[in-house]
Amino acid sequence: MIIANGKPIEEVLKSLEGHKKVAVLGCRGCVTVCLAGGEKEVGILASQIRMAREQAGQPVEVLEGTVERQCDYEYFEQVKDIIEEADAIVSIACGVGVQGVAETFPEKVVYPGLNTMFMGANLNVGVWAERCQGCGNCVLEISGGVCPVARCSKSLMNGPCGGSQNGKCEISKDVDCGWQLIYDRLSKIGRVDSLRNIIPPKDWSTSRDGGPRKLVREDLQLESGK
């Protein structure tokens, strides 16, 4: 899932200077799961904004709303009234959701309330770790299910660099070497010999090097006129 974290309240308040009616819009998708942008967080952020502005002698009306997913634009119909009523929107969704609000309501000022971090997994209560960078050309079948793009700090494709020591990455003793993880995994499943195969240069055109990406499933699209 997409992992995000709340922006400092000072940064949010700075964005909202001059606005007198604000809508805080949450999302019940990924950011609810990582406890950053769900209905509960909408209420907390709205209260923080109200109290801070009241203390500053600049009271503001704050409207609240949460949709199923801000990345599916049809859900904005549920909160259309409060968005149209407000003169600024604080979206506490991932960056896709923020842009979704801006595209759906082009006449509105939209501010992000979160910093979008990465695609990751929940390791423990309050702990999330990056697992995927969405490179568009998955190689997990040759690395034992451990992603060299996301787990290796240098995204190396043919083994570790010379900086790894005792299974740790050179950037920090608290960061596992991605290729140590790959080796350990392949050892457990009896496929360590596959490391002798040289992985050819990766086609990064499927990633950001190829520009903004789009996926079109023609089999899911309705035929024109039907």
C-alpha atoms as a PDB file:
ATOM      1  CA  MET A   1       0.000   0.000   0.000  1.00  0.00           C
ATOM      2  CA  ILE A   2       0.987   3.638  -0.317  1.00  0.00           C
ATOM      3  CA  ILE A   3       2.500   4.925   2.917  1.00  0.00           C
ATOM      4  CA  ALA A   4       2.144   8.590   3.870  1.00  0.00           C
ATOM      5  CA  ASN A   5       2.810  10.712   6.923  1.00  0.00           C
ATOM      6  CA  GLY A   6       1.219  13.914   8.163  1.00  0.00           C
ATOM      7  CA  LYS A   7       2.861  17.222   7.345  1.00  0.00           C
ATOM      8  CA  PRO A   8       3.875  19.369  10.328  1.00  0.00           C
ATOM      9  CA  ILE A   9       0.868  21.413  11.441  1.00  0.00           C
ATOM     10  CA  GLU A  10       2.937  24.584  11.057  1.00  0.00           C
ATOM     11  CA  GLU A  11       3.342  23.847   7.359  1.00  0.00           C
ATOM     12  CA  VAL A  12      -0.384  23.234   6.922  1.00  0.00           C
ATOM     13  CA  LEU A  13      -1.265  26.439   8.756  1.00  0.00           C
ATOM     14  CA  LYS A  14       1.181  28.411   6.634  1.00  0.00           C
ATOM     15  CA  SER A  15      -0.573  27.166   3.491  1.00  0.00           C
ATOM     16  CA  LEU A  16      -3.969  28.176   4.833  1.00  0.00           C
ATOM     17  CA  GLU A  17      -3.087  31.778   5.677  1.00  0.00           C
ATOM     18  CA  GLY A  18      -5.769  34.096   4.340  1.00  0.00           C
ATOM     19  CA  HIS A  19      -8.392  31.371   3.868  1.00  0.00           C
ATOM     20  CA  LYS A  20     -11.567  31.716   5.934  1.00  0.00           C
ATOM     21  CA  LYS A  21     -13.418  28.517   5.058  1.00  0.00           C
ATOM     22  CA  VAL A  22     -11.427  25.319   4.665  1.00  0.00           C
ATOM     23  CA  ALA A  23     -12.400  21.726   3.916  1.00  0.00           C
ATOM     24  CA  VAL A  24     -10.263  18.872   5.236  1.00  0.00           C
ATOM     25  CA  LEU A  25     -10.785  15.855   3.005  1.00  0.00           C
ATOM     26  CA  GLY A  26      -9.744  12.345   3.996  1.00  0.00           C
ATOM     27  CA  CYS A  27      -9.479   9.034   2.177  1.00  0.00           C
ATOM     28  CA  ARG A  28     -10.549   5.572   3.353  1.00  0.00           C
ATOM     29  CA  GLY A  29      -7.875   3.877   1.243  1.00  0.00           C
ATOM     30  CA  CYS A  30      -4.182   3.353   1.960  1.00  0.00           C
ATOM     31  CA  VAL A  31      -3.759   6.387   4.208  1.00  0.00           C
ATOM     32  CA  THR A  32      -6.477   5.112   6.530  1.00  0.00           C
ATOM     33  CA  VAL A  33      -4.624   1.815   6.899  1.00  0.00           C
ATOM     34  CA  CYS A  34      -1.358   3.601   7.737  1.00  0.00           C
ATOM     35  CA  LEU A  35      -3.244   5.895  10.153  1.00  0.00           C
ATOM     36  CA  ALA A  36      -2.453   9.125   8.323  1.00  0.00           C
ATOM     37  CA  GLY A  37      -5.536  10.291   6.455  1.00  0.00           C
ATOM     38  CA  GLY A  38      -8.714   8.507   7.478  1.00  0.00           C
ATOM     39  CA  GLU A  39     -11.868   9.885   9.070  1.00  0.00           C
ATOM     40  CA  LYS A  40     -10.264  10.001  12.517  1.00  0.00           C
ATOM     41  CA  GLU A  41      -7.274  11.945  11.208  1.00  0.00           C
ATOM     42  CA  VAL A  42      -9.609  14.379   9.423  1.00  0.00           C
ATOM     43  CA  GLY A  43     -11.208  15.210  12.761  1.00  0.00           C
ATOM     44  CA  ILE A  44      -7.848  15.647  14.480  1.00  0.00           C
ATOM     45  CA  LEU A  45      -6.400  17.908  11.783  1.00  0.00           C
ATOM     46  CA  ALA A  46      -9.603  19.962  11.579  1.00  0.00           C
ATOM     47  CA  SER A  47      -9.490  20.534  15.347  1.00  0.00           C
ATOM     48  CA  GLN A  48      -5.815  21.516  15.203  1.00  0.00           C
ATOM     49  CA  ILE A  49      -6.522  24.068  12.497  1.00  0.00           C
ATOM     50  CA  ARG A  50      -9.490  25.545  14.357  1.00  0.00           C
ATOM     51  CA  MET A  51      -7.630  25.861  17.669  1.00  0.00           C
ATOM     52  CA  ALA A  52      -4.454  27.282  16.139  1.00  0.00           C
ATOM     53  CA  ARG A  53      -6.326  29.890  14.157  1.00  0.00           C
ATOM     54  CA  GLU A  54      -8.495  30.787  17.147  1.00  0.00           C
ATOM     55  CA  GLN A  55      -5.415  31.328  19.296  1.00  0.00           C
ATOM     56  CA  ALA A  56      -3.903  33.494  16.562  1.00  0.00           C
ATOM     57  CA  GLY A  57      -7.026  35.637  16.457  1.00  0.00           C
ATOM     58  CA  GLN A  58      -7.818  34.447  12.953  1.00  0.00           C
ATOM     59  CA  PRO A  59     -10.806  32.112  13.336  1.00  0.00           C
ATOM     60  CA  VAL A  60     -11.586  29.836  10.412  1.00  0.00           C
ATOM     61  CA  GLU A  61     -14.525  27.626   9.538  1.00  0.00           C
ATOM     62  CA  VAL A  62     -13.367  24.066   8.891  1.00  0.00           C
ATOM     63  CA  LEU A  63     -15.558  21.570   7.062  1.00  0.00           C
ATOM     64  CA  GLU A  64     -14.856  17.832   7.220  1.00  0.00           C
ATOM     65  CA  GLY A  65     -15.332  15.031   4.737  1.00  0.00           C
ATOM     66  CA  THR A  66     -13.951  11.600   3.895  1.00  0.00           C
ATOM     67  CA  VAL A  67     -14.410   9.631   0.686  1.00  0.00           C
ATOM     68  CA  GLU A  68     -13.850   5.976  -0.145  1.00  0.00           C
ATOM     69  CA  ARG A  69     -10.852   6.671  -2.374  1.00  0.00           C
ATOM     70  CA  GLN A  70      -9.485   9.950  -3.669  1.00  0.00           C
ATOM     71  CA  CYS A  71      -7.783   8.121  -6.547  1.00  0.00           C
ATOM     72  CA  ASP A  72     -11.220   7.159  -7.944  1.00  0.00           C
ATOM     73  CA  TYR A  73     -12.702  10.483  -8.916  1.00  0.00           C
ATOM     74  CA  GLU A  74     -16.348   9.416  -8.920  1.00  0.00           C
ATOM     75  CA  TYR A  75     -16.306   9.343  -5.112  1.00  0.00           C
ATOM     76  CA  PHE A  76     -15.882  13.118  -4.964  1.00  0.00           C
ATOM     77  CA  GLU A  77     -19.583  13.448  -5.738  1.00  0.00           C
ATOM     78  CA  GLN A  78     -20.216  12.492  -2.083  1.00  0.00           C
ATOM     79  CA  VAL A  79     -18.418  15.611  -0.826  1.00  0.00           C
ATOM     80  CA  LYS A  80     -19.108  17.976  -3.713  1.00  0.00           C
ATOM     81  CA  ASP A  81     -21.184  20.311  -1.544  1.00  0.00           C
ATOM     82  CA  ILE A  82     -18.520  20.956   1.098  1.00  0.00           C
ATOM     83  CA  ILE A  83     -15.762  21.295  -1.489  1.00  0.00           C
ATOM     84  CA  GLU A  84     -17.728  23.874  -3.438  1.00  0.00           C
ATOM     85  CA  GLU A  85     -18.531  25.734  -0.213  1.00  0.00           C
ATOM     86  CA  ALA A  86     -14.893  25.975   0.916  1.00  0.00           C
ATOM     87  CA  ASP A  87     -12.324  28.368  -0.517  1.00  0.00           C
ATOM     88  CA  ALA A  88      -9.426  25.947   0.118  1.00  0.00           C
ATOM     89  CA  ILE A  89      -9.091  22.183   0.419  1.00  0.00           C
ATOM     90  CA  VAL A  90      -6.588  20.248   2.511  1.00  0.00           C
ATOM     91  CA  SER A  91      -6.378  16.741   1.099  1.00  0.00           C
ATOM     92  CA  ILE A  92      -4.996  14.161   3.502  1.00  0.00           C
ATOM     93  CA  ALA A  93      -4.586  11.493   0.865  1.00  0.00           C
ATOM     94  CA  CYS A  94      -1.518  10.405  -1.056  1.00  0.00           C
ATOM     95  CA  GLY A  95      -0.211  12.660  -3.820  1.00  0.00           C
ATOM     96  CA  VAL A  96      -2.519  10.941  -6.293  1.00  0.00           C
ATOM     97  CA  GLY A  97      -5.527  11.949  -4.230  1.00  0.00           C
ATOM     98  CA  VAL A  98      -4.383  15.560  -3.910  1.00  0.00           C
ATOM     99  CA  GLN A  99      -4.085  15.777  -7.686  1.00  0.00           C
ATOM    100  CA  GLY A 100      -7.433  14.038  -8.048  1.00  0.00           C
ATOM    101  CA  VAL A 101      -9.132  16.781  -6.041  1.00  0.00           C
ATOM    102  CA  ALA A 102      -7.351  19.484  -8.063  1.00  0.00           C
ATOM    103  CA  GLU A 103      -8.332  17.874 -11.378  1.00  0.00           C
ATOM    104  CA  THR A 104     -11.952  17.355 -10.363  1.00  0.00           C
ATOM    105  CA  PHE A 105     -12.336  20.866  -8.899  1.00  0.00           C
ATOM    106  CA  PRO A 106      -9.941  22.989 -10.999  1.00  0.00           C
ATOM    107  CA  GLU A 107     -11.288  26.252  -9.590  1.00  0.00           C
ATOM    108  CA  LYS A 108     -10.338  25.323  -6.013  1.00  0.00           C
ATOM    109  CA  VAL A 109      -7.071  25.822  -4.165  1.00  0.00           C
ATOM    110  CA  VAL A 110      -5.852  22.404  -2.963  1.00  0.00           C
ATOM    111  CA  TYR A 111      -3.097  21.796  -0.410  1.00  0.00           C
ATOM    112  CA  PRO A 112      -1.508  18.483   0.611  1.00  0.00           C
ATOM    113  CA  GLY A 113      -1.841  17.574   4.262  1.00  0.00           C
ATOM    114  CA  LEU A 114       0.448  14.549   3.987  1.00  0.00           C
ATOM    115  CA  ASN A 115       3.856  13.675   2.626  1.00  0.00           C
ATOM    116  CA  THR A 116       3.627  10.591   0.412  1.00  0.00           C
ATOM    117  CA  MET A 117       6.513   8.302   1.347  1.00  0.00           C
ATOM    118  CA  PHE A 118       6.589   4.959  -0.482  1.00  0.00           C
ATOM    119  CA  MET A 119       4.819   1.680  -1.237  1.00  0.00           C
ATOM    120  CA  GLY A 120       5.385  -0.605   1.706  1.00  0.00           C
ATOM    121  CA  ALA A 121       4.315  -3.211   4.200  1.00  0.00           C
ATOM    122  CA  ASN A 122       3.179  -3.037   7.817  1.00  0.00           C
ATOM    123  CA  LEU A 123       5.896  -4.773   9.864  1.00  0.00           C
ATOM    124  CA  ASN A 124       4.544  -3.970  13.299  1.00  0.00           C
ATOM    125  CA  VAL A 125       2.191  -1.548  15.023  1.00  0.00           C
ATOM    126  CA  GLY A 126       3.234   1.875  13.747  1.00  0.00           C
ATOM    127  CA  VAL A 127       6.064   0.496  11.609  1.00  0.00           C
ATOM    128  CA  TRP A 128       5.987   0.501   7.804  1.00  0.00           C
ATOM    129  CA  ALA A 129       8.844  -0.371   5.455  1.00  0.00           C
ATOM    130  CA  GLU A 130       9.401   0.243   1.752  1.00  0.00           C
ATOM    131  CA  ARG A 131       9.000  -2.827  -0.429  1.00  0.00           C
ATOM    132  CA  CYS A 132       8.304  -1.570  -3.969  1.00  0.00           C
ATOM    133  CA  GLN A 133       9.184   1.416  -6.168  1.00  0.00           C
ATOM    134  CA  GLY A 134       6.742   0.608  -8.960  1.00  0.00           C
ATOM    135  CA  CYS A 135       9.461   0.212 -11.607  1.00  0.00           C
ATOM    136  CA  GLY A 136       6.994  -1.333 -14.051  1.00  0.00           C
ATOM    137  CA  ASN A 137       9.184  -4.351 -14.833  1.00  0.00           C
ATOM    138  CA  CYS A 138       9.121  -6.716 -11.847  1.00  0.00           C
ATOM    139  CA  VAL A 139      12.168  -8.960 -11.302  1.00  0.00           C
ATOM    140  CA  LEU A 140      11.081 -10.669  -8.094  1.00  0.00           C
ATOM    141  CA  GLU A 141      11.104 -14.061  -9.823  1.00  0.00           C
ATOM    142  CA  ILE A 142      14.906 -13.959 -10.088  1.00  0.00           C
ATOM    143  CA  SER A 143      15.602 -12.511  -6.649  1.00  0.00           C
ATOM    144  CA  GLY A 144      13.648 -14.878  -4.445  1.00  0.00           C
ATOM    145  CA  GLY A 145      10.811 -12.454  -3.834  1.00  0.00           C
ATOM    146  CA  VAL A 146      13.077  -9.738  -2.395  1.00  0.00           C
ATOM    147  CA  CYS A 147      13.138  -6.603  -4.550  1.00  0.00           C
ATOM    148  CA  PRO A 148      16.650  -5.422  -5.462  1.00  0.00           C
ATOM    149  CA  VAL A 149      15.275  -2.121  -6.740  1.00  0.00           C
ATOM    150  CA  ALA A 150      13.613  -1.161  -3.455  1.00  0.00           C
ATOM    151  CA  ARG A 151      15.674  -3.115  -0.914  1.00  0.00           C
ATOM    152  CA  CYS A 152      19.171  -2.316  -2.242  1.00  0.00           C
ATOM    153  CA  SER A 153      20.045   1.323  -1.558  1.00  0.00           C
ATOM    154  CA  LYS A 154      21.711   1.519  -4.992  1.00  0.00           C
ATOM    155  CA  SER A 155      19.134  -0.651  -6.807  1.00  0.00           C
ATOM    156  CA  LEU A 156      21.936  -2.952  -7.961  1.00  0.00           C
ATOM    157  CA  MET A 157      20.883  -5.884 -10.111  1.00  0.00           C
ATOM    158  CA  ASN A 158      23.847  -8.262  -9.842  1.00  0.00           C
ATOM    159  CA  GLY A 159      24.896  -8.570  -6.237  1.00  0.00           C
ATOM    160  CA  PRO A 160      26.025  -6.227  -3.490  1.00  0.00           C
ATOM    161  CA  CYS A 161      28.425  -3.315  -3.765  1.00  0.00           C
ATOM    162  CA  GLY A 162      31.754  -3.297  -1.978  1.00  0.00           C
ATOM    163  CA  GLY A 163      30.388  -1.236   0.882  1.00  0.00           C
ATOM    164  CA  SER A 164      28.211  -3.871   2.529  1.00  0.00           C
ATOM    165  CA  GLN A 165      29.602  -5.333   5.742  1.00  0.00           C
ATOM    166  CA  ASN A 166      28.250  -8.146   7.921  1.00  0.00           C
ATOM    167  CA  GLY A 167      24.940  -8.148   6.093  1.00  0.00           C
ATOM    168  CA  LYS A 168      24.400  -4.419   6.554  1.00  0.00           C
ATOM    169  CA  CYS A 169      24.299  -1.588   4.023  1.00  0.00           C
ATOM    170  CA  GLU A 170      27.066   0.996   4.007  1.00  0.00           C
ATOM    171  CA  ILE A 171      24.566   3.811   4.493  1.00  0.00           C
ATOM    172  CA  SER A 172      23.691   2.614   8.010  1.00  0.00           C
ATOM    173  CA  LYS A 173      24.313  -0.325  10.314  1.00  0.00           C
ATOM    174  CA  ASP A 174      20.544  -0.350  10.881  1.00  0.00           C
ATOM    175  CA  VAL A 175      19.792  -1.032   7.190  1.00  0.00           C
ATOM    176  CA  ASP A 176      19.974  -4.592   5.899  1.00  0.00           C
ATOM    177  CA  CYS A 177      21.950  -5.143   2.713  1.00  0.00           C
ATOM    178  CA  GLY A 178      19.324  -5.913   0.087  1.00  0.00           C
ATOM    179  CA  TRP A 179      21.522  -8.491  -1.592  1.00  0.00           C
ATOM    180  CA  GLN A 180      22.213 -10.229   1.708  1.00  0.00           C
ATOM    181  CA  LEU A 181      18.453 -10.586   2.070  1.00  0.00           C
ATOM    182  CA  ILE A 182      18.240 -11.950  -1.478  1.00  0.00           C
ATOM    183  CA  TYR A 183      21.052 -14.442  -0.833  1.00  0.00           C
ATOM    184  CA  ASP A 184      19.491 -15.632   2.418  1.00  0.00           C
ATOM    185  CA  ARG A 185      16.120 -16.090   0.742  1.00  0.00           C
ATOM    186  CA  LEU A 186      17.534 -17.986  -2.249  1.00  0.00           C
ATOM    187  CA  SER A 187      19.509 -20.207   0.115  1.00  0.00           C
ATOM    188  CA  LYS A 188      16.351 -21.171   1.981  1.00  0.00           C
ATOM    189  CA  ILE A 189      14.549 -22.192  -1.203  1.00  0.00           C
ATOM    190  CA  GLY A 190      17.543 -23.978  -2.726  1.00  0.00           C
ATOM    191  CA  ARG A 191      18.090 -21.555  -5.595  1.00  0.00           C
ATOM    192  CA  VAL A 192      21.308 -19.796  -4.619  1.00  0.00           C
ATOM    193  CA  ASP A 193      22.986 -21.083  -7.808  1.00  0.00           C
ATOM    194  CA  SER A 194      20.748 -18.730  -9.782  1.00  0.00           C
ATOM    195  CA  LEU A 195      22.989 -15.894  -8.595  1.00  0.00           C
ATOM    196  CA  ARG A 196      25.566 -17.097 -11.118  1.00  0.00           C
ATOM    197  CA  ASN A 197      23.283 -15.875 -13.904  1.00  0.00           C
ATOM    198  CA  ILE A 198      24.063 -12.337 -14.988  1.00  0.00           C
ATOM    199  CA  ILE A 199      20.996 -10.118 -15.005  1.00  0.00           C
ATOM    200  CA  PRO A 200      21.062  -7.911 -18.131  1.00  0.00           C
ATOM    201  CA  PRO A 201      20.743  -4.120 -17.826  1.00  0.00           C
ATOM    202  CA  LYS A 202      17.275  -3.241 -16.579  1.00  0.00           C
ATOM    203  CA  ASP A 203      14.845  -1.511 -18.919  1.00  0.00           C
ATOM    204  CA  TRP A 204      14.158   1.635 -16.913  1.00  0.00           C
ATOM    205  CA  SER A 205      11.839   3.017 -19.600  1.00  0.00           C
ATOM    206  CA  THR A 206       9.001   1.269 -17.747  1.00  0.00           C
ATOM    207  CA  SER A 207       9.860   3.339 -14.684  1.00  0.00           C
ATOM    208  CA  ARG A 208      10.059   7.118 -14.332  1.00  0.00           C
ATOM    209  CA  ASP A 209      12.803   7.301 -16.982  1.00  0.00           C
ATOM    210  CA  GLY A 210      10.052   6.806 -19.556  1.00  0.00           C
ATOM    211  CA  GLY A 211       8.020   9.788 -18.333  1.00  0.00           C
ATOM    212  CA  PRO A 212       4.571   9.779 -16.691  1.00  0.00           C
ATOM    213  CA  ARG A 213       3.018   6.349 -16.992  1.00  0.00           C
ATOM    214  CA  LYS A 214      -0.474   5.172 -17.870  1.00  0.00           C
ATOM    215  CA  LEU A 215      -2.048   1.722 -17.892  1.00  0.00           C
ATOM    216  CA  VAL A 216      -4.887   1.098 -20.355  1.00  0.00           C
ATOM    217  CA  ARG A 217      -6.855  -2.156 -20.164  1.00  0.00           C
ATOM    218  CA  GLU A 218      -8.872  -2.230 -23.371  1.00  0.00           C
ATOM    219  CA  ASP A 219     -10.662  -5.387 -22.230  1.00  0.00           C
ATOM    220  CA  LEU A 220     -12.195  -3.398 -19.363  1.00  0.00           C
ATOM    221  CA  GLN A 221     -13.302  -0.419 -21.407  1.00  0.00           C
ATOM    222  CA  LEU A 222     -16.849  -0.051 -22.655  1.00  0.00           C
ATOM    223  CA  GLU A 223     -17.188   0.128 -26.405  1.00  0.00           C
ATOM    224  CA  SER A 224     -18.018   3.596 -27.693  1.00  0.00           C
ATOM    225  CA  GLY A 225     -21.730   4.191 -28.001  1.00  0.00           C
ATOM    226  CA  LYS A 226     -22.756   1.242 -25.838  1.00  0.00           C
END
